[in-house]
C-alpha atoms as a PDB file:
ATOM      1  CA  MET A   1     -49.059  -3.220  -8.668  1.00  0.00           C
ATOM      2  CA  PRO A   2     -47.307  -0.687 -11.630  1.00  0.00           C
ATOM      3  CA  ASP A   3     -44.246   1.344 -11.318  1.00  0.00           C
ATOM      4  CA  PRO A   4     -45.444   5.020 -10.479  1.00  0.00           C
ATOM      5  CA  SER A   5     -45.578   7.238 -13.791  1.00  0.00           C
ATOM      6  CA  VAL A   6     -44.140  10.565 -13.876  1.00  0.00           C
ATOM      7  CA  GLY A   7     -43.644  13.235 -16.903  1.00  0.00           C
ATOM      8  CA  ILE A   8     -41.279  16.100 -17.936  1.00  0.00           C
ATOM      9  CA  VAL A   9     -43.030  19.372 -19.078  1.00  0.00           C
ATOM     10  CA  GLY A  10     -40.175  21.176 -20.066  1.00  0.00           C
ATOM     11  CA  ALA A  11     -37.548  18.034 -21.279  1.00  0.00           C
ATOM     12  CA  SER A  12     -35.812  19.621 -24.088  1.00  0.00           C
ATOM     13  CA  GLY A  13     -33.528  21.993 -21.791  1.00  0.00           C
ATOM     14  CA  TYR A  14     -30.518  21.132 -19.724  1.00  0.00           C
ATOM     15  CA  THR A  15     -32.727  20.558 -16.361  1.00  0.00           C
ATOM     16  CA  GLY A  16     -35.061  18.039 -18.364  1.00  0.00           C
ATOM     17  CA  SER A  17     -32.510  16.101 -20.409  1.00  0.00           C
ATOM     18  CA  GLU A  18     -30.779  16.085 -16.673  1.00  0.00           C
ATOM     19  CA  LEU A  19     -33.534  14.414 -15.172  1.00  0.00           C
ATOM     20  CA  VAL A  20     -34.549  12.238 -17.939  1.00  0.00           C
ATOM     21  CA  ARG A  21     -30.621  10.954 -17.413  1.00  0.00           C
ATOM     22  CA  ILE A  22     -31.581  10.312 -13.608  1.00  0.00           C
ATOM     23  CA  LEU A  23     -34.592   9.196 -14.062  1.00  0.00           C
ATOM     24  CA  SER A  24     -34.362   6.438 -17.094  1.00  0.00           C
ATOM     25  CA  ARG A  25     -32.319   4.422 -14.730  1.00  0.00           C
ATOM     26  CA  HIS A  26     -34.547   4.644 -11.776  1.00  0.00           C
ATOM     27  CA  PRO A  27     -35.440   1.469 -10.261  1.00  0.00           C
ATOM     28  CA  ALA A  28     -38.904   2.658  -8.626  1.00  0.00           C
ATOM     29  CA  VAL A  29     -40.487   5.028 -11.342  1.00  0.00           C
ATOM     30  CA  ARG A  30     -41.653   4.721 -15.033  1.00  0.00           C
ATOM     31  CA  LEU A  31     -40.794   7.937 -17.311  1.00  0.00           C
ATOM     32  CA  ALA A  32     -43.917   7.778 -19.319  1.00  0.00           C
ATOM     33  CA  ALA A  33     -43.575  11.044 -21.080  1.00  0.00           C
ATOM     34  CA  VAL A  34     -41.836  14.178 -22.532  1.00  0.00           C
ATOM     35  CA  THR A  35     -43.053  17.656 -23.617  1.00  0.00           C
ATOM     36  CA  SER A  36     -41.596  20.378 -25.465  1.00  0.00           C
ATOM     37  CA  GLU A  37     -43.298  23.166 -27.392  1.00  0.00           C
ATOM     38  CA  SER A  38     -40.570  23.885 -29.623  1.00  0.00           C
ATOM     39  CA  HIS A  39     -39.500  20.334 -30.572  1.00  0.00           C
ATOM     40  CA  ALA A  40     -42.641  18.104 -30.258  1.00  0.00           C
ATOM     41  CA  GLY A  41     -42.373  15.366 -32.639  1.00  0.00           C
ATOM     42  CA  LYS A  42     -38.702  14.835 -32.201  1.00  0.00           C
ATOM     43  CA  ARG A  43     -37.082  12.162 -30.144  1.00  0.00           C
ATOM     44  CA  MET A  44     -35.962  13.095 -26.805  1.00  0.00           C
ATOM     45  CA  SER A  45     -32.624  11.423 -28.439  1.00  0.00           C
ATOM     46  CA  ASP A  46     -32.871  13.507 -31.058  1.00  0.00           C
ATOM     47  CA  ILE A  47     -32.247  16.987 -29.270  1.00  0.00           C
ATOM     48  CA  HIS A  48     -29.782  15.259 -26.817  1.00  0.00           C
ATOM     49  CA  PRO A  49     -27.557  12.751 -28.824  1.00  0.00           C
ATOM     50  CA  HIS A  50     -25.746  11.438 -25.280  1.00  0.00           C
ATOM     51  CA  LEU A  51     -29.379   9.880 -24.252  1.00  0.00           C
ATOM     52  CA  GLU A  52     -29.321   7.612 -27.686  1.00  0.00           C
ATOM     53  CA  GLY A  53     -30.851   4.567 -26.560  1.00  0.00           C
ATOM     54  CA  VAL A  54     -31.285   5.691 -23.181  1.00  0.00           C
ATOM     55  CA  CYS A  55     -34.816   7.584 -23.890  1.00  0.00           C
ATOM     56  CA  ASP A  56     -36.394   7.553 -27.441  1.00  0.00           C
ATOM     57  CA  LEU A  57     -39.268   8.874 -26.100  1.00  0.00           C
ATOM     58  CA  GLU A  58     -40.900  11.345 -28.797  1.00  0.00           C
ATOM     59  CA  LEU A  59     -41.689  14.798 -27.443  1.00  0.00           C
ATOM     60  CA  VAL A  60     -45.204  16.322 -27.357  1.00  0.00           C
ATOM     61  CA  LYS A  61     -46.784  19.170 -26.415  1.00  0.00           C
ATOM     62  CA  ALA A  62     -47.775  19.993 -22.716  1.00  0.00           C
ATOM     63  CA  ALA A  63     -51.305  20.180 -23.678  1.00  0.00           C
ATOM     64  CA  ASP A  64     -50.920  16.680 -24.696  1.00  0.00           C
ATOM     65  CA  LEU A  65     -48.879  15.342 -21.540  1.00  0.00           C
ATOM     66  CA  GLY A  66     -52.023  13.082 -20.163  1.00  0.00           C
ATOM     67  CA  ALA A  67     -52.511  11.137 -16.735  1.00  0.00           C
ATOM     68  CA  VAL A  68     -49.321  10.730 -14.422  1.00  0.00           C
ATOM     69  CA  ASP A  69     -49.029   9.782 -11.139  1.00  0.00           C
ATOM     70  CA  LEU A  70     -46.142  12.802 -10.154  1.00  0.00           C
ATOM     71  CA  VAL A  71     -44.919  15.813 -13.318  1.00  0.00           C
ATOM     72  CA  PHE A  72     -41.838  17.856 -13.334  1.00  0.00           C
ATOM     73  CA  LEU A  73     -42.470  21.233 -14.612  1.00  0.00           C
ATOM     74  CA  ALA A  74     -38.658  22.052 -15.928  1.00  0.00           C
ATOM     75  CA  LEU A  75     -40.066  25.300 -17.638  1.00  0.00           C
ATOM     76  CA  PRO A  76     -39.019  28.976 -17.186  1.00  0.00           C
ATOM     77  CA  HIS A  77     -40.342  31.322 -14.197  1.00  0.00           C
ATOM     78  CA  GLY A  78     -43.585  32.349 -15.118  1.00  0.00           C
ATOM     79  CA  VAL A  79     -44.567  29.775 -17.450  1.00  0.00           C
ATOM     80  CA  SER A  80     -44.618  27.044 -14.642  1.00  0.00           C
ATOM     81  CA  MET A  81     -47.340  29.143 -12.784  1.00  0.00           C
ATOM     82  CA  ASP A  82     -50.082  28.917 -15.669  1.00  0.00           C
ATOM     83  CA  PHE A  83     -49.295  24.925 -15.973  1.00  0.00           C
ATOM     84  CA  VAL A  84     -50.048  24.538 -13.033  1.00  0.00           C
ATOM     85  CA  LYS A  85     -52.929  26.756 -12.832  1.00  0.00           C
ATOM     86  CA  THR A  86     -54.584  24.753 -15.923  1.00  0.00           C
ATOM     87  CA  ARG A  87     -53.853  21.451 -14.484  1.00  0.00           C
ATOM     88  CA  ALA A  88     -55.559  22.268 -11.088  1.00  0.00           C
ATOM     89  CA  ASN A  89     -57.940  19.849 -11.157  1.00  0.00           C
ATOM     90  CA  GLY A  90     -56.109  17.527 -13.960  1.00  0.00           C
ATOM     91  CA  GLY A  91     -54.622  15.040 -10.894  1.00  0.00           C
ATOM     92  CA  GLY A  92     -50.584  13.962 -10.461  1.00  0.00           C
ATOM     93  CA  ARG A  93     -48.228  15.801  -7.785  1.00  0.00           C
ATOM     94  CA  ILE A  94     -46.572  18.724  -9.029  1.00  0.00           C
ATOM     95  CA  VAL A  95     -42.487  19.499  -8.425  1.00  0.00           C
ATOM     96  CA  ASP A  96     -41.544  22.370 -10.331  1.00  0.00           C
ATOM     97  CA  LEU A  97     -38.201  23.459 -11.067  1.00  0.00           C
ATOM     98  CA  SER A  98     -38.861  27.439 -11.557  1.00  0.00           C
ATOM     99  CA  GLY A  99     -39.201  30.133  -8.719  1.00  0.00           C
ATOM    100  CA  ASP A 100     -42.916  30.711  -9.307  1.00  0.00           C
ATOM    101  CA  PHE A 101     -43.626  28.945  -5.598  1.00  0.00           C
ATOM    102  CA  ARG A 102     -40.296  29.376  -3.986  1.00  0.00           C
ATOM    103  CA  LEU A 103     -41.144  32.388  -2.128  1.00  0.00           C
ATOM    104  CA  SER A 104     -43.879  33.594   0.496  1.00  0.00           C
ATOM    105  CA  SER A 105     -46.508  36.026  -1.421  1.00  0.00           C
ATOM    106  CA  ALA A 106     -47.361  37.234  -4.577  1.00  0.00           C
ATOM    107  CA  ALA A 107     -45.960  40.395  -3.346  1.00  0.00           C
ATOM    108  CA  VAL A 108     -42.665  39.181  -2.848  1.00  0.00           C
ATOM    109  CA  TYR A 109     -42.428  37.543  -6.097  1.00  0.00           C
ATOM    110  CA  GLU A 110     -43.842  40.404  -8.414  1.00  0.00           C
ATOM    111  CA  ARG A 111     -41.004  42.556  -6.719  1.00  0.00           C
ATOM    112  CA  TRP A 112     -38.396  40.045  -7.553  1.00  0.00           C
ATOM    113  CA  TYR A 113     -39.816  38.737 -11.131  1.00  0.00           C
ATOM    114  CA  GLY A 114     -41.332  41.662 -12.310  1.00  0.00           C
ATOM    115  CA  LYS A 115     -44.525  40.465 -13.271  1.00  0.00           C
ATOM    116  CA  ALA A 116     -48.055  39.066 -11.123  1.00  0.00           C
ATOM    117  CA  HIS A 117     -48.548  36.058  -9.659  1.00  0.00           C
ATOM    118  CA  ALA A 118     -50.897  34.197 -12.317  1.00  0.00           C
ATOM    119  CA  CYS A 119     -51.719  31.612  -9.592  1.00  0.00           C
ATOM    120  CA  PRO A 120     -51.381  33.111  -5.873  1.00  0.00           C
ATOM    121  CA  GLU A 121     -54.074  30.863  -4.340  1.00  0.00           C
ATOM    122  CA  ARG A 122     -51.506  27.909  -4.994  1.00  0.00           C
ATOM    123  CA  LEU A 123     -48.619  29.620  -2.811  1.00  0.00           C
ATOM    124  CA  ASP A 124     -49.725  28.665   0.815  1.00  0.00           C
ATOM    125  CA  GLY A 125     -49.648  24.968  -0.359  1.00  0.00           C
ATOM    126  CA  ALA A 126     -46.528  24.675  -1.873  1.00  0.00           C
ATOM    127  CA  VAL A 127     -44.006  23.494   0.477  1.00  0.00           C
ATOM    128  CA  TYR A 128     -40.244  24.556  -0.395  1.00  0.00           C
ATOM    129  CA  GLY A 129     -38.465  21.953  -1.171  1.00  0.00           C
ATOM    130  CA  LEU A 130     -34.868  21.362   0.543  1.00  0.00           C
ATOM    131  CA  PRO A 131     -35.394  18.340   1.962  1.00  0.00           C
ATOM    132  CA  GLU A 132     -32.852  18.526   4.892  1.00  0.00           C
ATOM    133  CA  LEU A 133     -34.845  21.065   6.219  1.00  0.00           C
ATOM    134  CA  ASN A 134     -38.128  20.203   4.842  1.00  0.00           C
ATOM    135  CA  ARG A 135     -38.776  16.310   4.954  1.00  0.00           C
ATOM    136  CA  ASP A 136     -41.347  16.154   6.793  1.00  0.00           C
ATOM    137  CA  ARG A 137     -44.062  18.127   4.577  1.00  0.00           C
ATOM    138  CA  ILE A 138     -42.224  17.432   1.397  1.00  0.00           C
ATOM    139  CA  ALA A 139     -43.715  13.789   2.343  1.00  0.00           C
ATOM    140  CA  GLY A 140     -47.206  14.956   1.856  1.00  0.00           C
ATOM    141  CA  ALA A 141     -47.348  18.098  -0.572  1.00  0.00           C
ATOM    142  CA  PRO A 142     -49.369  17.863  -2.932  1.00  0.00           C
ATOM    143  CA  LEU A 143     -46.907  20.363  -4.821  1.00  0.00           C
ATOM    144  CA  VAL A 144     -43.402  21.658  -4.065  1.00  0.00           C
ATOM    145  CA  ALA A 145     -41.263  24.240  -5.061  1.00  0.00           C
ATOM    146  CA  ASN A 146     -37.913  22.962  -5.791  1.00  0.00           C
ATOM    147  CA  PRO A 147     -35.401  25.141  -4.605  1.00  0.00           C
ATOM    148  CA  GLY A 148     -33.131  27.425  -6.735  1.00  0.00           C
ATOM    149  CA  CYS A 149     -28.984  26.251  -7.105  1.00  0.00           C
ATOM    150  CA  TYR A 150     -27.440  29.169  -5.258  1.00  0.00           C
ATOM    151  CA  PRO A 151     -29.899  28.962  -2.466  1.00  0.00           C
ATOM    152  CA  THR A 152     -29.461  25.502  -2.156  1.00  0.00           C
ATOM    153  CA  SER A 153     -25.752  25.896  -1.487  1.00  0.00           C
ATOM    154  CA  ALA A 154     -26.183  29.194   0.420  1.00  0.00           C
ATOM    155  CA  ILE A 155     -28.991  27.527   2.514  1.00  0.00           C
ATOM    156  CA  LEU A 156     -27.122  24.317   3.177  1.00  0.00           C
ATOM    157  CA  ALA A 157     -23.634  26.249   3.873  1.00  0.00           C
ATOM    158  CA  LEU A 158     -25.203  28.295   6.573  1.00  0.00           C
ATOM    159  CA  ALA A 159     -28.728  27.036   7.707  1.00  0.00           C
ATOM    160  CA  PRO A 160     -27.165  25.102  10.986  1.00  0.00           C
ATOM    161  CA  PHE A 161     -25.175  27.661  12.377  1.00  0.00           C
ATOM    162  CA  LEU A 162     -28.218  30.414  12.199  1.00  0.00           C
ATOM    163  CA  ARG A 163     -30.185  27.479  13.626  1.00  0.00           C
ATOM    164  CA  CYS A 164     -27.839  26.560  16.658  1.00  0.00           C
ATOM    165  CA  GLY A 165     -27.826  30.533  17.300  1.00  0.00           C
ATOM    166  CA  LEU A 166     -23.909  30.211  16.548  1.00  0.00           C
ATOM    167  CA  VAL A 167     -23.984  33.259  14.160  1.00  0.00           C
ATOM    168  CA  SER A 168     -25.421  36.521  14.208  1.00  0.00           C
ATOM    169  CA  PRO A 169     -28.352  37.142  11.253  1.00  0.00           C
ATOM    170  CA  GLU A 170     -26.862  40.096  10.629  1.00  0.00           C
ATOM    171  CA  GLY A 171     -24.078  40.791   8.207  1.00  0.00           C
ATOM    172  CA  LEU A 172     -24.321  37.726   6.238  1.00  0.00           C
ATOM    173  CA  VAL A 173     -22.676  37.434   2.549  1.00  0.00           C
ATOM    174  CA  VAL A 174     -23.289  34.880   0.223  1.00  0.00           C
ATOM    175  CA  ASP A 175     -20.564  35.099  -2.602  1.00  0.00           C
ATOM    176  CA  SER A 176     -21.235  31.768  -5.315  1.00  0.00           C
ATOM    177  CA  LYS A 177     -20.006  31.353  -8.444  1.00  0.00           C
ATOM    178  CA  SER A 178     -21.427  28.947 -11.098  1.00  0.00           C
ATOM    179  CA  GLY A 179     -21.358  27.400 -14.207  1.00  0.00           C
ATOM    180  CA  VAL A 180     -22.632  28.989 -17.729  1.00  0.00           C
ATOM    181  CA  THR A 181     -25.197  25.823 -17.344  1.00  0.00           C
ATOM    182  CA  GLY A 182     -27.295  27.935 -14.745  1.00  0.00           C
ATOM    183  CA  ALA A 183     -28.338  30.292 -17.015  1.00  0.00           C
ATOM    184  CA  GLY A 184     -30.012  27.661 -19.019  1.00  0.00           C
ATOM    185  CA  ALA A 185     -29.681  26.183 -22.954  1.00  0.00           C
ATOM    186  CA  ALA A 186     -31.098  29.137 -24.886  1.00  0.00           C
ATOM    187  CA  ALA A 187     -28.546  31.138 -26.674  1.00  0.00           C
ATOM    188  CA  LYS A 188     -27.768  34.581 -24.786  1.00  0.00           C
ATOM    189  CA  ALA A 189     -24.720  36.784 -25.672  1.00  0.00           C
ATOM    190  CA  ALA A 190     -23.463  36.929 -21.969  1.00  0.00           C
ATOM    191  CA  THR A 191     -23.038  32.927 -22.012  1.00  0.00           C
ATOM    192  CA  HIS A 192     -22.030  32.982 -25.741  1.00  0.00           C
ATOM    193  CA  TYR A 193     -18.131  30.812 -25.819  1.00  0.00           C
ATOM    194  CA  PRO A 194     -16.393  34.145 -26.603  1.00  0.00           C
ATOM    195  CA  SER A 195     -17.934  35.881 -23.804  1.00  0.00           C
ATOM    196  CA  VAL A 196     -17.477  33.723 -20.948  1.00  0.00           C
ATOM    197  CA  ASN A 197     -13.874  31.966 -22.046  1.00  0.00           C
ATOM    198  CA  GLU A 198     -11.277  33.154 -20.449  1.00  0.00           C
ATOM    199  CA  ASP A 199     -13.255  35.388 -18.165  1.00  0.00           C
ATOM    200  CA  PHE A 200     -14.965  35.872 -14.896  1.00  0.00           C
ATOM    201  CA  LYS A 201     -17.651  38.587 -13.434  1.00  0.00           C
ATOM    202  CA  ALA A 202     -20.079  39.178 -11.255  1.00  0.00           C
ATOM    203  CA  TYR A 203     -23.798  39.531 -12.858  1.00  0.00           C
ATOM    204  CA  GLY A 204     -27.339  40.232 -10.605  1.00  0.00           C
ATOM    205  CA  ILE A 205     -25.731  42.803  -8.086  1.00  0.00           C
ATOM    206  CA  ALA A 206     -28.460  43.626  -5.321  1.00  0.00           C
ATOM    207  CA  THR A 207     -31.010  42.679  -7.363  1.00  0.00           C
ATOM    208  CA  HIS A 208     -30.653  38.425  -8.197  1.00  0.00           C
ATOM    209  CA  ARG A 209     -33.937  36.454  -7.881  1.00  0.00           C
ATOM    210  CA  HIS A 210     -32.352  34.022  -5.729  1.00  0.00           C
ATOM    211  CA  THR A 211     -31.789  36.801  -2.888  1.00  0.00           C
ATOM    212  CA  PRO A 212     -35.464  37.083  -1.319  1.00  0.00           C
ATOM    213  CA  GLU A 213     -35.640  32.941  -1.838  1.00  0.00           C
ATOM    214  CA  ILE A 214     -32.139  32.486   0.661  1.00  0.00           C
ATOM    215  CA  SER A 215     -33.214  35.084   2.848  1.00  0.00           C
ATOM    216  CA  GLU A 216     -37.235  33.723   3.650  1.00  0.00           C
ATOM    217  CA  THR A 217     -35.001  30.248   4.131  1.00  0.00           C
ATOM    218  CA  LEU A 218     -32.629  31.517   6.954  1.00  0.00           C
ATOM    219  CA  GLU A 219     -34.740  33.499   8.329  1.00  0.00           C
ATOM    220  CA  ALA A 220     -37.194  30.611   9.245  1.00  0.00           C
ATOM    221  CA  ALA A 221     -33.908  28.409  10.279  1.00  0.00           C
ATOM    222  CA  SER A 222     -32.793  31.754  12.639  1.00  0.00           C
ATOM    223  CA  GLY A 223     -36.811  33.196  13.953  1.00  0.00           C
ATOM    224  CA  ALA A 224     -35.290  36.456  13.179  1.00  0.00           C
ATOM    225  CA  ALA A 225     -34.770  38.610  10.051  1.00  0.00           C
ATOM    226  CA  VAL A 226     -31.487  37.902   8.109  1.00  0.00           C
ATOM    227  CA  GLU A 227     -29.446  41.130   6.773  1.00  0.00           C
ATOM    228  CA  LEU A 228     -28.181  39.462   3.772  1.00  0.00           C
ATOM    229  CA  ILE A 229     -26.013  40.447   0.495  1.00  0.00           C
ATOM    230  CA  PHE A 230     -26.134  38.085  -2.077  1.00  0.00           C
ATOM    231  CA  THR A 231     -23.738  38.229  -4.999  1.00  0.00           C
ATOM    232  CA  PRO A 232     -23.602  35.796  -8.172  1.00  0.00           C
ATOM    233  CA  HIS A 233     -20.512  35.176 -10.259  1.00  0.00           C
ATOM    234  CA  LEU A 234     -20.031  33.582 -13.559  1.00  0.00           C
ATOM    235  CA  LEU A 235     -17.206  30.347 -14.172  1.00  0.00           C
ATOM    236  CA  PRO A 236     -16.163  29.419 -17.341  1.00  0.00           C
ATOM    237  CA  VAL A 237     -16.638  25.690 -16.751  1.00  0.00           C
ATOM    238  CA  ASN A 238     -20.404  23.904 -17.953  1.00  0.00           C
ATOM    239  CA  ARG A 239     -20.976  22.464 -14.193  1.00  0.00           C
ATOM    240  CA  GLY A 240     -21.090  23.310 -10.406  1.00  0.00           C
ATOM    241  CA  ILE A 241     -21.568  26.241  -7.959  1.00  0.00           C
ATOM    242  CA  LEU A 242     -18.574  27.178  -5.365  1.00  0.00           C
ATOM    243  CA  THR A 243     -20.778  29.278  -2.484  1.00  0.00           C
ATOM    244  CA  THR A 244     -18.136  31.388   0.188  1.00  0.00           C
ATOM    245  CA  ALA A 245     -20.587  32.364   2.698  1.00  0.00           C
ATOM    246  CA  TYR A 246     -19.432  34.855   5.661  1.00  0.00           C
ATOM    247  CA  ALA A 247     -21.000  35.587   8.783  1.00  0.00           C
ATOM    248  CA  ARG A 248     -20.124  36.643  12.453  1.00  0.00           C
ATOM    249  CA  ALA A 249     -20.130  34.055  15.130  1.00  0.00           C
ATOM    250  CA  LYS A 250     -21.585  35.274  18.224  1.00  0.00           C
ATOM    251  CA  GLU A 251     -19.407  35.318  21.635  1.00  0.00           C
ATOM    252  CA  GLY A 252     -17.536  32.551  22.880  1.00  0.00           C
ATOM    253  CA  VAL A 253     -18.396  29.965  19.799  1.00  0.00           C
ATOM    254  CA  THR A 254     -15.367  27.705  18.896  1.00  0.00           C
ATOM    255  CA  GLN A 255     -14.564  25.677  15.743  1.00  0.00           C
ATOM    256  CA  ALA A 256     -15.707  22.555  17.899  1.00  0.00           C
ATOM    257  CA  ASP A 257     -19.176  24.445  18.220  1.00  0.00           C
ATOM    258  CA  LEU A 258     -19.333  25.126  14.009  1.00  0.00           C
ATOM    259  CA  GLU A 259     -18.252  21.615  13.468  1.00  0.00           C
ATOM    260  CA  GLY A 260     -20.792  20.113  15.808  1.00  0.00           C
ATOM    261  CA  ALA A 261     -23.194  22.303  14.305  1.00  0.00           C
ATOM    262  CA  TYR A 262     -22.799  20.722  10.529  1.00  0.00           C
ATOM    263  CA  GLU A 263     -22.546  17.108  11.913  1.00  0.00           C
ATOM    264  CA  ASP A 264     -26.039  17.619  14.230  1.00  0.00           C
ATOM    265  CA  ALA A 265     -27.481  18.518  11.131  1.00  0.00           C
ATOM    266  CA  TYR A 266     -26.102  16.617   8.498  1.00  0.00           C
ATOM    267  CA  SER A 267     -24.654  13.337   9.943  1.00  0.00           C
ATOM    268  CA  GLY A 268     -27.993  11.004   9.242  1.00  0.00           C
ATOM    269  CA  GLU A 269     -28.193  13.358   5.498  1.00  0.00           C
ATOM    270  CA  PRO A 270     -27.603  10.855   2.350  1.00  0.00           C
ATOM    271  CA  PHE A 271     -26.239  13.939   0.180  1.00  0.00           C
ATOM    272  CA  VAL A 272     -24.803  16.294   2.381  1.00  0.00           C
ATOM    273  CA  ARG A 273     -20.592  15.604   3.042  1.00  0.00           C
ATOM    274  CA  VAL A 274     -19.208  17.408   5.833  1.00  0.00           C
ATOM    275  CA  ARG A 275     -15.432  17.659   4.652  1.00  0.00           C
ATOM    276  CA  THR A 276     -12.462  18.399   6.579  1.00  0.00           C
ATOM    277  CA  ALA A 277     -10.895  20.883   4.099  1.00  0.00           C
ATOM    278  CA  PRO A 278     -12.661  23.189   1.034  1.00  0.00           C
ATOM    279  CA  PRO A 279     -14.395  21.479  -0.927  1.00  0.00           C
ATOM    280  CA  SER A 280     -14.176  21.840  -4.980  1.00  0.00           C
ATOM    281  CA  ILE A 281     -16.867  21.444  -7.694  1.00  0.00           C
ATOM    282  CA  GLN A 282     -15.299  18.647  -9.486  1.00  0.00           C
ATOM    283  CA  ALA A 283     -15.794  16.575  -6.740  1.00  0.00           C
ATOM    284  CA  VAL A 284     -19.276  17.229  -6.567  1.00  0.00           C
ATOM    285  CA  ARG A 285     -19.899  16.983 -10.489  1.00  0.00           C
ATOM    286  CA  GLY A 286     -22.400  14.660 -11.875  1.00  0.00           C
ATOM    287  CA  SER A 287     -23.959  13.906  -8.445  1.00  0.00           C
ATOM    288  CA  ASN A 288     -26.480  14.687  -5.929  1.00  0.00           C
ATOM    289  CA  PHE A 289     -23.771  15.406  -3.085  1.00  0.00           C
ATOM    290  CA  CYS A 290     -23.990  19.112  -1.401  1.00  0.00           C
ATOM    291  CA  ASP A 291     -20.163  19.187   0.529  1.00  0.00           C
ATOM    292  CA  VAL A 292     -20.061  21.562   2.824  1.00  0.00           C
ATOM    293  CA  PHE A 293     -16.656  22.823   5.080  1.00  0.00           C
ATOM    294  CA  VAL A 294     -16.286  26.194   7.918  1.00  0.00           C
ATOM    295  CA  LYS A 295     -13.669  27.158   9.462  1.00  0.00           C
ATOM    296  CA  LEU A 296     -13.928  30.248  12.532  1.00  0.00           C
ATOM    297  CA  VAL A 297     -11.233  33.374  11.693  1.00  0.00           C
ATOM    298  CA  PRO A 298     -10.466  34.168  15.684  1.00  0.00           C
ATOM    299  CA  GLU A 299      -8.933  37.080  14.819  1.00  0.00           C
ATOM    300  CA  THR A 300     -12.121  38.729  13.426  1.00  0.00           C
ATOM    301  CA  GLY A 301     -14.138  36.568  14.728  1.00  0.00           C
ATOM    302  CA  ARG A 302     -16.186  35.747  11.218  1.00  0.00           C
ATOM    303  CA  VAL A 303     -17.390  32.506  10.023  1.00  0.00           C
ATOM    304  CA  VAL A 304     -16.328  31.234   6.574  1.00  0.00           C
ATOM    305  CA  ALA A 305     -18.699  28.647   5.228  1.00  0.00           C
ATOM    306  CA  VAL A 306     -17.879  26.965   1.597  1.00  0.00           C
ATOM    307  CA  SER A 307     -20.437  24.670  -0.228  1.00  0.00           C
ATOM    308  CA  ALA A 308     -20.191  23.020  -3.609  1.00  0.00           C
ATOM    309  CA  ILE A 309     -22.874  20.907  -5.590  1.00  0.00           C
ATOM    310  CA  ASP A 310     -23.344  20.557  -9.444  1.00  0.00           C
ATOM    311  CA  ASN A 311     -26.199  22.978  -9.976  1.00  0.00           C
ATOM    312  CA  LEU A 312     -27.977  20.653 -12.513  1.00  0.00           C
ATOM    313  CA  VAL A 313     -27.880  17.994  -9.814  1.00  0.00           C
ATOM    314  CA  LYS A 314     -28.416  18.727  -6.315  1.00  0.00           C
ATOM    315  CA  GLY A 315     -29.045  22.393  -7.839  1.00  0.00           C
ATOM    316  CA  ALA A 316     -31.908  20.977  -9.444  1.00  0.00           C
ATOM    317  CA  ALA A 317     -32.607  17.745 -11.305  1.00  0.00           C
ATOM    318  CA  GLY A 318     -31.288  16.009  -8.905  1.00  0.00           C
ATOM    319  CA  GLN A 319     -32.662  17.338  -5.764  1.00  0.00           C
ATOM    320  CA  ALA A 320     -36.142  17.008  -7.635  1.00  0.00           C
ATOM    321  CA  VAL A 321     -35.647  13.497  -7.963  1.00  0.00           C
ATOM    322  CA  GLN A 322     -35.208  13.406  -4.239  1.00  0.00           C
ATOM    323  CA  ASN A 323     -37.970  15.105  -3.376  1.00  0.00           C
ATOM    324  CA  MET A 324     -40.349  12.913  -5.823  1.00  0.00           C
ATOM    325  CA  ASN A 325     -38.879  10.245  -3.640  1.00  0.00           C
ATOM    326  CA  ILE A 326     -39.707  11.502  -0.650  1.00  0.00           C
ATOM    327  CA  MET A 327     -43.308  12.581  -1.570  1.00  0.00           C
ATOM    328  CA  MET A 328     -43.689   8.714  -3.251  1.00  0.00           C
ATOM    329  CA  GLY A 329     -42.690   7.194  -0.490  1.00  0.00           C
ATOM    330  CA  ILE A 330     -39.463   5.411  -1.878  1.00  0.00           C
ATOM    331  CA  ASP A 331     -35.837   5.278  -0.967  1.00  0.00           C
ATOM    332  CA  GLU A 332     -34.774   8.860  -0.738  1.00  0.00           C
ATOM    333  CA  GLN A 333     -31.601   8.169  -2.878  1.00  0.00           C
ATOM    334  CA  ALA A 334     -33.166   5.520  -5.399  1.00  0.00           C
ATOM    335  CA  GLY A 335     -32.122   6.496  -9.012  1.00  0.00           C
ATOM    336  CA  LEU A 336     -29.054   8.859  -7.032  1.00  0.00           C
ATOM    337  CA  ASP A 337     -26.454   6.563  -6.377  1.00  0.00           C
ATOM    338  CA  MET A 338     -23.882   8.576  -8.799  1.00  0.00           C
ATOM    339  CA  VAL A 339     -20.436   8.576  -8.040  1.00  0.00           C
ATOM    340  CA  PRO A 340     -18.742  12.003  -8.883  1.00  0.00           C
ATOM    341  CA  LEU A 341     -16.580  12.560 -12.120  1.00  0.00           C
ATOM    342  CA  SER A 342     -13.096  13.222 -11.931  1.00  0.00           C
ATOM    343  CA  PRO A 343     -11.550  14.579 -13.711  1.00  0.00           C
END
């Protein structure tokens, strides 16, 4: 029986090229098609020279994708939902890397994304694709909403403590720093080299679209409403997210309790590493790992949780492939056995 076929819609961006990098060496699936509306007719390696001899597939328009067993949507927010709507009867399961199917309702989506949802009938059936929380539901899902990069780092840092009732769901603070590739490949004034180099700034304060995604997932973990402040920052580096999250410990909680919650949650997880010292983005660069660390500050009763991911891998393409493996009954680690790059 031939290997399952997969296609990537929107393959010319950073996330698309990262999907190609991973899937080109995947042992159990066949990359059959890649699309780009603006680069149709060119080879994938013409747009991303590092893929020369690795993937020389010709880019086609999304309308010419054809039949595949699974489609990755590496499209901007607001575009993926149109594709899902038009392909409702086109066959193939979908992993969507945009934010279009991550939230609980069309109303919440419209509030945070500023436009009406074009395919609200698929929201209830979409499964939030964080394997460490939803593996069983992902396996049978026709549509998986791949988590955002910031939410992946924040949720994996905090969810075990909320699930075990070790911290209060009120007063949560998530402080995250991301590399510039998180803004996508399109040229923007805010990510122009002179604007980023030798600088460091916060943005999207109280308005970032990943806020409800983090809140809703942490509420599901805690079983109670959460009070959350999320502030992202832009680092002058290419890849990586470092998140420092703060929470109030419940009375009597010890450092051993917190470490035990991480061990219970992640001891069997192939891509979460519990560290004994604060992690760094360099230690996960190019890999599908999320490194986590926790410290109780006894003088204040505060919990400090730190996580590090590569925003293009565990924060996007790697996690999407992890979801694909689960959906297709393939070894979850297949194609993802990348050792982090250092330096």
